[in-house]
């Protein structure tokens, strides 16, 4: 994840490509970017991987918080939409990332008002 994040930070257009990615393998349970993120942050049984997803997407949301390439908007929408799916899953990293994104969004909105 760290290598991928470094590539995205170096070439921001890669995040936009990532958002619109679709898996062409019909046998895969992961069909699109949204599936990939939710499986990594919520459904993966390995806590280390869930933490990597939380750290990576939190950092990208901070770096790309505004504009057409907004990781913040994409991730907030994705997590909010999947909030009902957290029962019986290890949701600590999901909650922590969601909380971090809400705080970041509030901070940006507050700065706009000043």
N, C-alpha and C. Protein backbone atom coordinates (compact mmCIF):
# COMPACT_ATOMS: atom_id res chain seq x y z
N UNK A 1 0.82 -1.19 0.00
CA UNK A 1 0.00 0.00 0.00
C UNK A 1 0.87 1.25 0.00
N UNK A 2 1.99 1.22 0.71
CA UNK A 2 2.85 2.40 0.79
C UNK A 2 3.43 2.75 -0.59
N UNK A 3 3.83 1.75 -1.34
CA UNK A 3 4.36 1.99 -2.69
C UNK A 3 3.28 2.58 -3.59
N UNK A 4 2.09 2.01 -3.53
CA UNK A 4 0.98 2.52 -4.34
C UNK A 4 0.67 3.97 -3.96
N UNK A 5 0.63 4.25 -2.65
CA UNK A 5 0.34 5.62 -2.21
C UNK A 5 1.42 6.58 -2.70
N UNK A 6 2.67 6.16 -2.65
CA UNK A 6 3.75 7.00 -3.16
C UNK A 6 3.58 7.30 -4.64
N UNK A 7 3.17 6.31 -5.39
CA UNK A 7 2.92 6.52 -6.83
C UNK A 7 1.78 7.51 -7.05
N UNK A 8 0.72 7.37 -6.28
CA UNK A 8 -0.43 8.27 -6.42
C UNK A 8 -0.06 9.69 -6.02
N UNK A 9 0.72 9.83 -4.97
CA UNK A 9 1.14 11.17 -4.57
C UNK A 9 2.04 11.82 -5.61
N UNK A 10 2.83 11.00 -6.30
CA UNK A 10 3.70 11.50 -7.37
C UNK A 10 2.91 11.83 -8.63
N UNK A 11 1.90 11.02 -8.95
CA UNK A 11 1.07 11.22 -10.14
C UNK A 11 -0.39 11.19 -9.71
N UNK A 12 -0.96 12.32 -9.31
CA UNK A 12 -2.33 12.37 -8.79
C UNK A 12 -3.40 11.82 -9.73
N UNK A 13 -3.15 11.84 -11.03
CA UNK A 13 -4.15 11.31 -11.96
C UNK A 13 -4.38 9.80 -11.76
N UNK A 14 -3.44 9.13 -11.11
CA UNK A 14 -3.61 7.71 -10.83
C UNK A 14 -4.77 7.46 -9.87
N UNK A 15 -5.04 8.39 -8.97
CA UNK A 15 -6.17 8.18 -8.06
C UNK A 15 -7.49 8.24 -8.80
N UNK A 16 -7.58 9.14 -9.75
CA UNK A 16 -8.81 9.22 -10.56
C UNK A 16 -9.00 7.92 -11.34
N UNK A 17 -7.93 7.38 -11.89
CA UNK A 17 -8.01 6.09 -12.58
C UNK A 17 -8.41 4.98 -11.61
N UNK A 18 -7.89 5.05 -10.40
CA UNK A 18 -8.22 4.06 -9.38
C UNK A 18 -9.72 4.09 -9.05
N UNK A 19 -10.27 5.29 -8.90
CA UNK A 19 -11.69 5.42 -8.56
C UNK A 19 -12.58 4.73 -9.60
N UNK A 20 -12.22 4.84 -10.86
CA UNK A 20 -13.07 4.30 -11.93
C UNK A 20 -12.69 2.89 -12.36
N UNK A 21 -11.77 2.26 -11.66
CA UNK A 21 -11.33 0.91 -12.01
C UNK A 21 -12.47 -0.09 -11.88
N UNK A 22 -12.56 -0.99 -12.84
CA UNK A 22 -13.52 -2.11 -12.83
C UNK A 22 -12.74 -3.38 -13.08
N UNK A 23 -13.04 -4.43 -12.32
CA UNK A 23 -12.39 -5.72 -12.47
C UNK A 23 -13.08 -6.49 -13.59
N UNK A 24 -12.32 -6.99 -14.53
CA UNK A 24 -12.89 -7.74 -15.65
C UNK A 24 -13.00 -9.23 -15.38
N UNK A 25 -12.43 -9.70 -14.27
CA UNK A 25 -12.53 -11.12 -13.92
C UNK A 25 -13.89 -11.39 -13.30
N UNK A 26 -14.69 -12.14 -13.99
CA UNK A 26 -16.04 -12.42 -13.50
C UNK A 26 -16.04 -13.27 -12.23
N UNK A 27 -15.01 -14.07 -12.04
CA UNK A 27 -14.96 -14.96 -10.87
C UNK A 27 -14.59 -14.24 -9.58
N UNK A 28 -14.12 -13.01 -9.67
CA UNK A 28 -13.67 -12.27 -8.49
C UNK A 28 -14.85 -11.64 -7.75
N UNK A 29 -14.78 -11.67 -6.43
CA UNK A 29 -15.80 -11.01 -5.61
C UNK A 29 -15.60 -9.50 -5.61
N UNK A 30 -14.41 -9.06 -5.92
CA UNK A 30 -14.10 -7.62 -5.98
C UNK A 30 -14.31 -7.16 -7.42
N UNK A 31 -15.38 -6.41 -7.62
CA UNK A 31 -15.76 -5.98 -8.97
C UNK A 31 -15.31 -4.56 -9.32
N UNK A 32 -15.04 -3.74 -8.28
CA UNK A 32 -14.70 -2.34 -8.53
C UNK A 32 -13.90 -1.79 -7.34
N UNK A 33 -13.51 -0.56 -7.44
CA UNK A 33 -12.73 0.09 -6.41
C UNK A 33 -13.45 0.10 -5.06
N UNK A 34 -14.74 0.36 -5.08
CA UNK A 34 -15.50 0.38 -3.83
C UNK A 34 -15.41 -0.96 -3.12
N UNK A 35 -15.55 -2.04 -3.85
CA UNK A 35 -15.43 -3.38 -3.27
C UNK A 35 -14.04 -3.58 -2.68
N UNK A 36 -13.02 -3.16 -3.39
CA UNK A 36 -11.64 -3.31 -2.94
C UNK A 36 -11.41 -2.60 -1.61
N UNK A 37 -11.88 -1.35 -1.53
CA UNK A 37 -11.67 -0.57 -0.31
C UNK A 37 -12.44 -1.18 0.87
N UNK A 38 -13.69 -1.54 0.65
CA UNK A 38 -14.50 -2.09 1.74
C UNK A 38 -13.97 -3.43 2.21
N UNK A 39 -13.54 -4.28 1.30
CA UNK A 39 -12.96 -5.56 1.70
C UNK A 39 -11.70 -5.32 2.52
N UNK A 40 -10.87 -4.37 2.10
CA UNK A 40 -9.62 -4.10 2.81
C UNK A 40 -9.80 -3.46 4.17
N UNK A 41 -10.75 -2.56 4.30
CA UNK A 41 -10.91 -1.81 5.55
C UNK A 41 -11.88 -2.47 6.52
N UNK A 42 -12.77 -3.32 6.02
CA UNK A 42 -13.83 -3.85 6.87
C UNK A 42 -13.89 -5.38 6.93
N UNK A 43 -13.65 -6.03 5.83
CA UNK A 43 -13.88 -7.47 5.78
C UNK A 43 -12.63 -8.33 5.89
N UNK A 44 -11.47 -7.73 5.74
CA UNK A 44 -10.24 -8.51 5.82
C UNK A 44 -10.03 -9.00 7.25
N UNK A 45 -9.72 -10.29 7.42
CA UNK A 45 -9.53 -10.82 8.77
C UNK A 45 -8.21 -10.37 9.43
N UNK A 46 -7.27 -9.86 8.65
CA UNK A 46 -5.97 -9.44 9.17
C UNK A 46 -6.01 -7.98 9.60
N UNK A 47 -5.80 -7.75 10.89
CA UNK A 47 -5.84 -6.39 11.41
C UNK A 47 -4.76 -5.50 10.76
N UNK A 48 -3.58 -6.04 10.52
CA UNK A 48 -2.49 -5.27 9.91
C UNK A 48 -2.91 -4.72 8.55
N UNK A 49 -3.61 -5.51 7.77
CA UNK A 49 -4.06 -5.05 6.45
C UNK A 49 -5.13 -3.98 6.61
N UNK A 50 -6.06 -4.17 7.53
CA UNK A 50 -7.09 -3.14 7.76
C UNK A 50 -6.43 -1.83 8.20
N UNK A 51 -5.40 -1.94 9.02
CA UNK A 51 -4.67 -0.74 9.46
C UNK A 51 -3.95 -0.07 8.30
N UNK A 52 -3.37 -0.85 7.41
CA UNK A 52 -2.71 -0.30 6.23
C UNK A 52 -3.72 0.46 5.36
N UNK A 53 -4.89 -0.12 5.17
CA UNK A 53 -5.94 0.56 4.40
C UNK A 53 -6.34 1.86 5.09
N UNK A 54 -6.54 1.81 6.40
CA UNK A 54 -6.91 3.02 7.15
C UNK A 54 -5.85 4.10 6.98
N UNK A 55 -4.60 3.76 7.18
CA UNK A 55 -3.51 4.74 7.09
C UNK A 55 -3.35 5.28 5.68
N UNK A 56 -3.40 4.41 4.70
CA UNK A 56 -3.22 4.83 3.31
C UNK A 56 -4.33 5.76 2.85
N UNK A 57 -5.58 5.34 3.07
CA UNK A 57 -6.69 6.15 2.58
C UNK A 57 -6.90 7.41 3.42
N UNK A 58 -6.52 7.38 4.69
CA UNK A 58 -6.55 8.59 5.50
C UNK A 58 -5.56 9.62 4.98
N UNK A 59 -4.36 9.16 4.66
CA UNK A 59 -3.33 10.07 4.12
C UNK A 59 -3.73 10.62 2.75
N UNK A 60 -4.28 9.78 1.91
CA UNK A 60 -4.71 10.25 0.59
C UNK A 60 -5.85 11.26 0.71
N UNK A 61 -6.76 11.02 1.64
CA UNK A 61 -7.87 11.96 1.84
C UNK A 61 -7.35 13.33 2.29
N UNK A 62 -6.33 13.34 3.13
CA UNK A 62 -5.74 14.61 3.57
C UNK A 62 -5.05 15.31 2.40
N UNK A 63 -4.35 14.54 1.59
CA UNK A 63 -3.60 15.12 0.48
C UNK A 63 -4.51 15.56 -0.67
N UNK A 64 -5.53 14.78 -0.94
CA UNK A 64 -6.47 15.07 -2.02
C UNK A 64 -7.85 15.32 -1.42
N UNK A 65 -7.97 16.43 -0.69
CA UNK A 65 -9.23 16.70 0.00
C UNK A 65 -10.20 17.56 -0.80
N UNK A 66 -9.73 18.18 -1.86
CA UNK A 66 -10.59 19.06 -2.65
C UNK A 66 -10.41 18.78 -4.13
N UNK A 67 -11.29 19.35 -4.94
CA UNK A 67 -11.17 19.27 -6.39
C UNK A 67 -11.79 18.02 -6.98
N UNK A 68 -11.57 17.86 -8.27
CA UNK A 68 -12.14 16.73 -9.02
C UNK A 68 -11.58 15.39 -8.57
N UNK A 69 -10.42 15.41 -8.01
CA UNK A 69 -9.70 14.20 -7.63
C UNK A 69 -9.83 13.95 -6.12
N UNK A 70 -10.95 14.36 -5.51
CA UNK A 70 -11.07 14.35 -4.05
C UNK A 70 -11.23 12.95 -3.48
N UNK A 71 -10.18 12.48 -2.86
CA UNK A 71 -10.24 11.20 -2.16
C UNK A 71 -11.15 11.33 -0.95
N UNK A 72 -11.18 12.50 -0.34
CA UNK A 72 -12.03 12.73 0.82
C UNK A 72 -13.50 12.51 0.47
N UNK A 73 -13.97 13.13 -0.58
CA UNK A 73 -15.38 12.99 -0.99
C UNK A 73 -15.69 11.55 -1.37
N UNK A 74 -14.81 10.94 -2.14
CA UNK A 74 -15.01 9.55 -2.55
C UNK A 74 -15.12 8.62 -1.34
N UNK A 75 -14.18 8.73 -0.42
CA UNK A 75 -14.13 7.83 0.73
C UNK A 75 -15.25 8.09 1.72
N UNK A 76 -15.58 9.36 1.97
CA UNK A 76 -16.69 9.66 2.87
C UNK A 76 -17.99 9.05 2.35
N UNK A 77 -18.23 9.22 1.07
CA UNK A 77 -19.44 8.65 0.47
C UNK A 77 -19.45 7.13 0.55
N UNK A 78 -18.31 6.53 0.27
CA UNK A 78 -18.21 5.07 0.27
C UNK A 78 -18.43 4.51 1.67
N UNK A 79 -17.79 5.10 2.67
CA UNK A 79 -17.95 4.60 4.04
C UNK A 79 -19.36 4.84 4.56
N UNK A 80 -19.92 6.01 4.27
CA UNK A 80 -21.29 6.30 4.72
C UNK A 80 -22.27 5.29 4.10
N UNK A 81 -22.09 5.01 2.85
CA UNK A 81 -22.98 4.06 2.15
C UNK A 81 -22.87 2.65 2.74
N UNK A 82 -21.71 2.29 3.23
CA UNK A 82 -21.47 0.95 3.74
C UNK A 82 -21.59 0.85 5.26
N UNK A 83 -21.97 1.92 5.91
CA UNK A 83 -22.10 1.91 7.37
C UNK A 83 -23.06 0.82 7.86
N UNK A 84 -24.17 0.58 7.18
CA UNK A 84 -25.09 -0.48 7.64
C UNK A 84 -24.49 -1.89 7.56
N UNK A 85 -23.37 -2.07 6.87
CA UNK A 85 -22.79 -3.40 6.67
C UNK A 85 -21.74 -3.78 7.72
N UNK A 86 -21.63 -3.02 8.80
CA UNK A 86 -20.54 -3.26 9.74
C UNK A 86 -20.83 -4.29 10.82
N UNK A 87 -22.07 -4.71 10.95
CA UNK A 87 -22.38 -5.66 12.02
C UNK A 87 -21.62 -6.96 11.83
N UNK A 88 -21.15 -7.50 12.93
CA UNK A 88 -20.42 -8.77 12.95
C UNK A 88 -19.12 -8.74 12.14
N UNK A 89 -18.53 -7.56 12.01
CA UNK A 89 -17.25 -7.44 11.30
C UNK A 89 -16.28 -6.67 12.19
N UNK A 90 -14.99 -6.86 12.00
CA UNK A 90 -14.01 -6.07 12.76
C UNK A 90 -13.98 -4.64 12.22
N UNK A 91 -14.69 -3.75 12.90
CA UNK A 91 -14.95 -2.43 12.34
C UNK A 91 -14.11 -1.31 12.94
N UNK A 92 -13.13 -1.61 13.74
CA UNK A 92 -12.34 -0.56 14.40
C UNK A 92 -11.69 0.39 13.40
N UNK A 93 -11.00 -0.15 12.41
CA UNK A 93 -10.32 0.70 11.42
C UNK A 93 -11.33 1.45 10.55
N UNK A 94 -12.46 0.82 10.25
CA UNK A 94 -13.54 1.48 9.50
C UNK A 94 -14.00 2.71 10.27
N UNK A 95 -14.32 2.54 11.58
CA UNK A 95 -14.77 3.65 12.40
C UNK A 95 -13.70 4.74 12.52
N UNK A 96 -12.47 4.33 12.75
CA UNK A 96 -11.39 5.31 12.90
C UNK A 96 -11.19 6.13 11.63
N UNK A 97 -11.21 5.47 10.48
CA UNK A 97 -11.08 6.20 9.22
C UNK A 97 -12.28 7.10 8.98
N UNK A 98 -13.47 6.59 9.22
CA UNK A 98 -14.68 7.38 9.03
C UNK A 98 -14.64 8.63 9.91
N UNK A 99 -14.26 8.46 11.17
CA UNK A 99 -14.15 9.58 12.10
C UNK A 99 -13.11 10.60 11.62
N UNK A 100 -11.97 10.10 11.18
CA UNK A 100 -10.91 10.98 10.66
C UNK A 100 -11.39 11.78 9.45
N UNK A 101 -12.12 11.14 8.56
CA UNK A 101 -12.62 11.81 7.36
C UNK A 101 -13.68 12.84 7.69
N UNK A 102 -14.54 12.52 8.64
CA UNK A 102 -15.57 13.48 9.06
C UNK A 102 -14.90 14.71 9.67
N UNK A 103 -13.91 14.50 10.53
CA UNK A 103 -13.18 15.62 11.13
C UNK A 103 -12.49 16.47 10.07
N UNK A 104 -11.86 15.82 9.10
CA UNK A 104 -11.18 16.55 8.02
C UNK A 104 -12.19 17.36 7.21
N UNK A 105 -13.33 16.78 6.92
CA UNK A 105 -14.37 17.48 6.16
C UNK A 105 -14.89 18.68 6.94
N UNK A 106 -15.12 18.51 8.24
CA UNK A 106 -15.56 19.61 9.09
C UNK A 106 -14.54 20.74 9.10
N UNK A 107 -13.27 20.37 9.23
CA UNK A 107 -12.19 21.36 9.24
C UNK A 107 -12.16 22.15 7.94
N UNK A 108 -12.29 21.46 6.82
CA UNK A 108 -12.28 22.14 5.52
C UNK A 108 -13.48 23.05 5.37
N UNK A 109 -14.65 22.60 5.81
CA UNK A 109 -15.85 23.44 5.73
C UNK A 109 -15.71 24.66 6.63
N UNK A 110 -15.11 24.49 7.79
CA UNK A 110 -14.92 25.60 8.70
C UNK A 110 -13.95 26.63 8.11
N UNK A 111 -12.90 26.14 7.44
CA UNK A 111 -11.94 27.05 6.83
C UNK A 111 -12.56 27.84 5.69
N UNK A 112 -13.51 27.23 4.96
CA UNK A 112 -14.19 27.92 3.87
C UNK A 112 -15.03 29.07 4.39
N UNK A 113 -15.61 28.90 5.59
CA UNK A 113 -16.48 29.91 6.16
C UNK A 113 -15.70 31.13 6.66
N UNK A 114 -14.43 30.96 6.96
CA UNK A 114 -13.63 32.09 7.48
C UNK A 114 -13.31 33.10 6.43
